[in-house]
Amino acid sequence: MTEPEHVADGVPGVVVEVSQMVRAKRKRGASVLEVFMENKLALAGGIILILIVVFCFGGPLVYHSNQISSNLSIANTAPVSGHPLGTDNVGYDVMGRLMIGGQSSLEIGFVAAMLAGIFGVLWGAVAGFFGGFIDTIMMRIVDALLSIPVLFVLLLMAAIIKVNQLNLTLAVAFFAWLVPARLIRGETLTLRTREYIQAVKGMGGGAGRSIFAHIIPNAIGTIVVNITFQVADAILALAALGYLGFGIPPPAANWGAMLSQGVTYIYAGEWWLIYPVGILIILTVMALNFIGDALRDAFDVRLQGR
């Protein structure tokens, strides 16, 4: 009778411990949301980003324009009732062009950031967890790639390979994973010395369990914040490539290529070719940076006990 009683006595304790962990996670999530909602710039950035996404992806459902075939007879037309933001140098409607250009820019930016985040997190977590020779080799690879001028390599890749949305996404993600790898490696070096990681090792748990079940979840704040900034960086990198003439070829569009074309005509007074797309790029990057700053503050453990 003694052994079953011992087991029975232990069950409520386990239930209470699990319940406390669940409540702690909920409290932390509520605290993160509270800190984020108190940041007015972050709220403004979130609203701006939502409006831009709705404009780019929902706009074409309401505002219909021909973005497949050019029409030179209406090229460089100033804003009129039929074309609220005018037309470009080959007759494409600028507002419709902003929408489809925004779709490709946002899609490439978010997908490239996610791919870079996933690969960078895995790379940094493995390097930091094992340490020693493995860490040295893996991080020297990161250092070597970081020493290469990113824009130069992206231009070289764009000149060699066929430029399309998939290749541009992979090209941007190829270098974007380096920063999250260094960040997560630093987090892992700290987390791997914690008691729960040592307990997992003592109980026979493998490296995979320690990394995926404990280290990565505990570094989620750093991961989320970094991905937010990576999206902004990817959009800027894509805009730079498009500005230099290595964007998605027509009839597809991206904001960088539109900006490059607009600069050619800015001295002719055709402001509608540069200001709308320039403002959209600035607003998108600013909104993502505001959100990233707020998330960084929200996940800061020093603010959790406010």
Protein backbone atom coordinates (compact mmCIF):
# COMPACT_ATOMS: atom_id res chain seq x y z
CA MET A 1 0.00 0.00 0.00
CA THR A 2 2.90 2.35 0.64
CA GLU A 3 4.20 2.50 -2.95
CA PRO A 4 0.84 3.28 -4.59
CA GLU A 5 0.21 5.95 -1.97
CA HIS A 6 3.58 7.49 -2.85
CA VAL A 7 2.69 7.56 -6.53
CA ALA A 8 -0.73 8.96 -5.78
CA ASP A 9 0.75 11.64 -3.57
CA GLY A 10 3.16 12.61 -6.36
CA VAL A 11 0.51 13.04 -9.05
CA PRO A 12 -1.08 16.19 -7.60
CA GLY A 13 2.38 17.72 -7.25
CA VAL A 14 3.12 17.09 -10.93
CA VAL A 15 -0.25 18.52 -11.93
CA VAL A 16 0.35 21.64 -9.85
CA GLU A 17 3.82 22.10 -11.37
CA VAL A 18 2.51 21.75 -14.92
CA SER A 19 -0.34 24.14 -14.10
CA GLN A 20 2.13 26.68 -12.75
CA MET A 21 4.24 26.42 -15.92
CA VAL A 22 1.17 26.98 -18.09
CA ARG A 23 0.14 30.01 -16.03
CA ALA A 24 3.69 31.39 -16.22
CA LYS A 25 3.71 31.10 -20.01
CA ARG A 26 0.31 32.79 -20.25
CA LYS A 27 1.45 35.56 -17.95
CA ARG A 28 4.57 36.09 -20.01
CA GLY A 29 2.53 36.19 -23.22
CA ALA A 30 0.15 38.73 -21.69
CA SER A 31 3.12 40.82 -20.53
CA VAL A 32 4.69 40.74 -23.99
CA LEU A 33 1.40 41.86 -25.55
CA GLU A 34 1.03 44.60 -22.93
CA VAL A 35 4.49 46.03 -23.57
CA PHE A 36 3.92 45.87 -27.34
CA MET A 37 0.53 47.61 -27.13
CA GLU A 38 2.02 50.42 -25.04
CA ASN A 39 4.42 51.28 -27.87
CA LYS A 40 2.54 53.80 -30.02
CA LEU A 41 5.09 53.65 -32.84
CA ALA A 42 4.69 49.88 -33.01
CA LEU A 43 0.92 50.19 -33.22
CA ALA A 44 1.29 52.78 -35.97
CA GLY A 45 3.78 50.52 -37.75
CA GLY A 46 1.42 47.55 -37.49
CA ILE A 47 -1.48 49.56 -38.93
CA ILE A 48 0.70 50.90 -41.76
CA LEU A 49 1.98 47.41 -42.60
CA ILE A 50 -1.55 45.99 -42.66
CA LEU A 51 -2.74 48.80 -44.92
CA ILE A 52 0.19 48.22 -47.30
CA VAL A 53 -0.49 44.46 -47.43
CA VAL A 54 -4.19 45.11 -48.10
CA PHE A 55 -3.29 47.65 -50.77
CA CYS A 56 -0.90 45.27 -52.56
CA PHE A 57 -2.87 42.03 -52.33
CA GLY A 58 -6.45 43.26 -52.04
CA GLY A 59 -6.14 46.32 -54.27
CA PRO A 60 -6.02 44.42 -57.61
CA LEU A 61 -9.35 42.81 -56.75
CA VAL A 62 -10.97 46.27 -56.74
CA TYR A 63 -8.73 48.36 -58.98
CA HIS A 64 -8.23 46.66 -62.34
CA SER A 65 -5.42 47.71 -64.68
CA ASN A 66 -3.56 46.18 -67.60
CA GLN A 67 -0.13 45.12 -66.32
CA ILE A 68 0.64 42.64 -69.12
CA SER A 69 0.81 44.64 -72.36
CA SER A 70 2.30 48.12 -72.70
CA ASN A 71 0.54 51.10 -74.30
CA LEU A 72 2.96 53.72 -75.59
CA SER A 73 0.13 56.02 -76.61
CA ILE A 74 -0.50 56.92 -72.96
CA ALA A 75 3.12 56.72 -71.76
CA ASN A 76 4.16 59.19 -69.04
CA THR A 77 0.62 60.47 -68.59
CA ALA A 78 0.09 62.67 -65.54
CA PRO A 79 -2.45 61.56 -62.91
CA VAL A 80 -5.99 61.73 -64.34
CA SER A 81 -9.33 60.17 -63.44
CA GLY A 82 -8.60 56.92 -65.26
CA HIS A 83 -5.07 56.71 -63.89
CA PRO A 84 -4.98 58.21 -60.34
CA LEU A 85 -1.17 58.00 -60.19
CA GLY A 86 -0.51 58.40 -63.92
CA THR A 87 1.34 55.99 -66.21
CA ASP A 88 5.01 55.10 -66.62
CA ASN A 89 7.32 55.33 -69.62
CA VAL A 90 5.70 52.38 -71.44
CA GLY A 91 2.08 53.08 -70.51
CA TYR A 92 1.61 50.88 -67.45
CA ASP A 93 -0.76 52.26 -64.84
CA VAL A 94 1.42 53.32 -61.89
CA MET A 95 -1.10 52.48 -59.16
CA GLY A 96 -1.62 48.97 -60.52
CA ARG A 97 2.14 48.65 -60.90
CA LEU A 98 2.64 49.61 -57.27
CA MET A 99 0.29 46.83 -56.24
CA ILE A 100 1.92 43.99 -58.18
CA GLY A 101 5.39 45.37 -57.42
CA GLY A 102 4.49 45.38 -53.75
CA GLN A 103 3.31 41.78 -53.95
CA SER A 104 6.65 40.53 -55.24
CA SER A 105 8.64 42.76 -52.86
CA LEU A 106 6.68 41.66 -49.78
CA GLU A 107 6.61 37.99 -50.79
CA ILE A 108 10.35 37.88 -51.45
CA GLY A 109 11.08 39.84 -48.26
CA PHE A 110 9.00 37.66 -45.94
CA VAL A 111 9.95 34.31 -47.52
CA ALA A 112 13.66 35.18 -47.65
CA ALA A 113 13.55 36.29 -44.00
CA MET A 114 11.79 33.09 -42.93
CA LEU A 115 14.25 30.87 -44.81
CA ALA A 116 17.21 32.83 -43.44
CA GLY A 117 15.75 32.69 -39.94
CA ILE A 118 15.16 28.93 -39.99
CA PHE A 119 18.58 28.06 -41.40
CA GLY A 120 20.40 30.65 -39.29
CA VAL A 121 18.72 29.47 -36.08
CA LEU A 122 19.61 25.83 -36.74
CA TRP A 123 23.20 26.72 -37.69
CA GLY A 124 23.77 28.94 -34.68
CA ALA A 125 22.08 26.54 -32.23
CA VAL A 126 24.14 23.56 -33.39
CA ALA A 127 27.39 25.55 -33.32
CA GLY A 128 26.74 26.97 -29.87
CA PHE A 129 25.49 23.72 -28.35
CA PHE A 130 28.40 21.52 -29.40
CA GLY A 131 31.11 24.18 -29.09
CA GLY A 132 34.76 23.33 -29.52
CA PHE A 133 36.02 22.35 -32.95
CA ILE A 134 32.54 22.19 -34.50
CA ASP A 135 31.72 25.70 -33.28
CA THR A 136 35.04 27.03 -34.56
CA ILE A 137 34.59 25.62 -38.08
CA MET A 138 30.93 26.64 -38.40
CA MET A 139 31.47 30.18 -37.18
CA ARG A 140 34.57 30.70 -39.34
CA ILE A 141 32.36 29.92 -42.32
CA VAL A 142 29.94 32.58 -41.11
CA ASP A 143 32.76 35.09 -40.60
CA ALA A 144 34.12 34.39 -44.09
CA LEU A 145 30.73 34.97 -45.72
CA LEU A 146 30.15 38.12 -43.67
CA SER A 147 33.42 39.56 -44.99
CA ILE A 148 32.13 39.41 -48.57
CA PRO A 149 30.29 42.52 -49.89
CA VAL A 150 26.71 41.26 -50.09
CA LEU A 151 25.48 43.62 -52.79
CA PHE A 152 28.41 42.77 -55.06
CA VAL A 153 27.71 39.04 -54.78
CA LEU A 154 23.98 39.54 -55.31
CA LEU A 155 24.70 41.54 -58.46
CA LEU A 156 27.08 38.81 -59.65
CA MET A 157 24.50 36.10 -58.99
CA ALA A 158 21.79 38.12 -60.72
CA ALA A 159 24.05 38.50 -63.76
CA ILE A 160 24.83 34.77 -63.93
CA ILE A 161 21.54 33.05 -63.07
CA LYS A 162 18.10 33.63 -64.54
CA VAL A 163 16.35 36.34 -62.58
CA ASN A 164 12.95 35.31 -61.27
CA GLN A 165 11.12 35.52 -57.96
CA LEU A 166 12.39 32.17 -56.67
CA ASN A 167 16.04 32.87 -57.51
CA LEU A 168 15.88 36.36 -56.02
CA THR A 169 14.38 34.94 -52.82
CA LEU A 170 17.13 32.33 -52.51
CA ALA A 171 19.84 34.86 -53.36
CA VAL A 172 18.68 37.29 -50.66
CA ALA A 173 18.23 34.47 -48.11
CA PHE A 174 21.69 33.09 -48.89
CA PHE A 175 23.35 35.95 -47.02
CA ALA A 176 20.54 36.93 -44.67
CA TRP A 177 20.98 33.82 -42.47
CA LEU A 178 24.42 34.88 -41.25
CA VAL A 179 23.23 37.45 -38.70
CA PRO A 180 20.63 35.21 -37.00
CA ALA A 181 23.23 32.43 -36.89
CA ARG A 182 25.59 34.61 -34.84
CA LEU A 183 22.79 35.83 -32.57
CA ILE A 184 21.41 32.37 -31.82
CA ARG A 185 24.90 30.97 -31.31
CA GLY A 186 25.45 33.57 -28.61
CA GLU A 187 22.10 32.74 -27.00
CA THR A 188 22.91 29.03 -27.12
CA LEU A 189 26.27 29.48 -25.41
CA THR A 190 24.37 30.97 -22.48
CA LEU A 191 21.41 28.59 -22.47
CA ARG A 192 23.42 25.38 -22.71
CA THR A 193 24.83 25.94 -19.21
CA ARG A 194 21.38 26.20 -17.61
CA GLU A 195 20.22 23.55 -15.16
CA TYR A 196 17.42 22.17 -17.31
CA ILE A 197 19.81 21.53 -20.20
CA GLN A 198 22.16 19.69 -17.86
CA ALA A 199 19.18 17.73 -16.52
CA VAL A 200 18.23 16.64 -20.05
CA LYS A 201 21.79 15.44 -20.64
CA GLY A 202 21.81 13.62 -17.31
CA MET A 203 18.58 11.84 -18.18
CA GLY A 204 20.04 10.61 -21.46
CA GLY A 205 18.40 13.18 -23.73
CA GLY A 206 20.17 13.77 -27.02
CA ALA A 207 21.38 16.99 -28.59
CA GLY A 208 18.29 17.21 -30.78
CA ARG A 209 15.98 17.24 -27.78
CA SER A 210 18.02 19.89 -26.01
CA ILE A 211 18.15 22.12 -29.09
CA PHE A 212 14.58 21.79 -30.36
CA ALA A 213 12.73 21.37 -27.06
CA HIS A 214 14.63 23.81 -24.88
CA ILE A 215 17.21 26.08 -26.53
CA ILE A 216 15.24 27.29 -29.56
CA PRO A 217 11.97 27.85 -27.61
CA ASN A 218 13.87 29.88 -25.00
CA ALA A 219 15.48 32.00 -27.73
CA ILE A 220 12.17 32.68 -29.48
CA GLY A 221 12.24 36.36 -28.55
CA THR A 222 15.56 36.92 -30.30
CA ILE A 223 14.37 34.89 -33.29
CA VAL A 224 11.12 36.80 -33.78
CA VAL A 225 12.76 40.20 -33.45
CA ASN A 226 15.55 39.31 -35.86
CA ILE A 227 13.14 37.96 -38.49
CA THR A 228 11.23 41.25 -38.34
CA PHE A 229 14.39 43.20 -39.12
CA GLN A 230 15.41 40.64 -41.74
CA VAL A 231 12.19 41.32 -43.68
CA ALA A 232 13.03 45.03 -43.83
CA ASP A 233 16.61 44.29 -44.89
CA ALA A 234 15.43 41.87 -47.58
CA ILE A 235 13.00 44.45 -49.01
CA LEU A 236 15.80 47.03 -49.11
CA ALA A 237 18.19 44.55 -50.75
CA LEU A 238 15.56 43.70 -53.36
CA ALA A 239 14.91 47.40 -53.96
CA ALA A 240 18.66 47.97 -54.43
CA LEU A 241 18.88 45.12 -56.94
CA GLY A 242 15.85 46.42 -58.82
CA TYR A 243 17.27 49.95 -58.78
CA LEU A 244 20.49 48.66 -60.36
CA GLY A 245 18.54 46.85 -63.08
CA PHE A 246 18.56 43.30 -61.72
CA GLY A 247 14.94 43.07 -60.60
CA ILE A 248 12.25 40.76 -61.91
CA PRO A 249 11.98 41.39 -65.68
CA PRO A 250 8.80 42.96 -67.13
CA PRO A 251 5.86 42.55 -67.22
CA ALA A 252 6.53 41.60 -63.59
CA ALA A 253 7.52 44.45 -61.31
CA ASN A 254 9.13 45.32 -58.02
CA TRP A 255 9.47 48.59 -56.18
CA GLY A 256 13.20 48.89 -56.79
CA ALA A 257 12.87 48.69 -60.56
CA MET A 258 10.04 51.23 -60.50
CA LEU A 259 12.20 53.58 -58.45
CA SER A 260 15.07 53.18 -60.93
CA GLN A 261 12.82 54.03 -63.86
CA GLY A 262 11.32 56.97 -62.03
CA VAL A 263 14.69 58.57 -61.32
CA THR A 264 15.29 58.79 -65.07
CA TYR A 265 12.27 61.06 -65.48
CA ILE A 266 12.33 63.00 -62.22
CA TYR A 267 14.01 66.04 -63.81
CA ALA A 268 11.24 66.16 -66.39
CA GLY A 269 8.80 66.91 -63.58
CA GLU A 270 7.13 63.49 -63.67
CA TRP A 271 7.00 63.14 -59.89
CA TRP A 272 4.40 60.35 -59.95
CA LEU A 273 7.06 57.92 -61.17
CA ILE A 274 9.22 58.20 -58.07
CA TYR A 275 7.40 59.66 -55.06
CA PRO A 276 4.63 57.03 -54.61
CA VAL A 277 6.99 54.04 -54.81
CA GLY A 278 9.63 55.80 -52.72
CA ILE A 279 7.08 56.58 -50.00
CA LEU A 280 5.85 52.97 -49.99
CA ILE A 281 9.38 51.59 -49.56
CA ILE A 282 10.11 54.03 -46.73
CA LEU A 283 6.81 53.36 -44.95
CA THR A 284 7.21 49.58 -45.20
CA VAL A 285 10.75 49.56 -43.84
CA MET A 286 9.88 52.04 -41.08
CA ALA A 287 6.81 50.02 -40.06
CA LEU A 288 8.84 46.81 -39.82
CA ASN A 289 11.56 48.56 -37.80
CA PHE A 290 8.97 50.01 -35.39
CA ILE A 291 7.46 46.55 -34.91
CA GLY A 292 10.90 45.01 -34.43
CA ASP A 293 11.87 47.60 -31.82
CA ALA A 294 8.65 46.99 -29.89
CA LEU A 295 9.08 43.22 -30.01
CA ARG A 296 12.64 43.57 -28.74
CA ASP A 297 11.38 45.57 -25.76
CA ALA A 298 8.46 43.20 -25.21
CA PHE A 299 10.66 40.10 -25.09
CA ASP A 300 13.26 41.78 -22.85
CA VAL A 301 13.11 39.82 -19.61
CA ARG A 302 13.96 42.95 -17.64
CA LEU A 303 10.56 44.36 -18.60
CA GLN A 304 8.56 41.28 -17.66
CA GLY A 305 8.30 42.17 -14.01
CA ARG A 306 7.05 45.72 -14.50
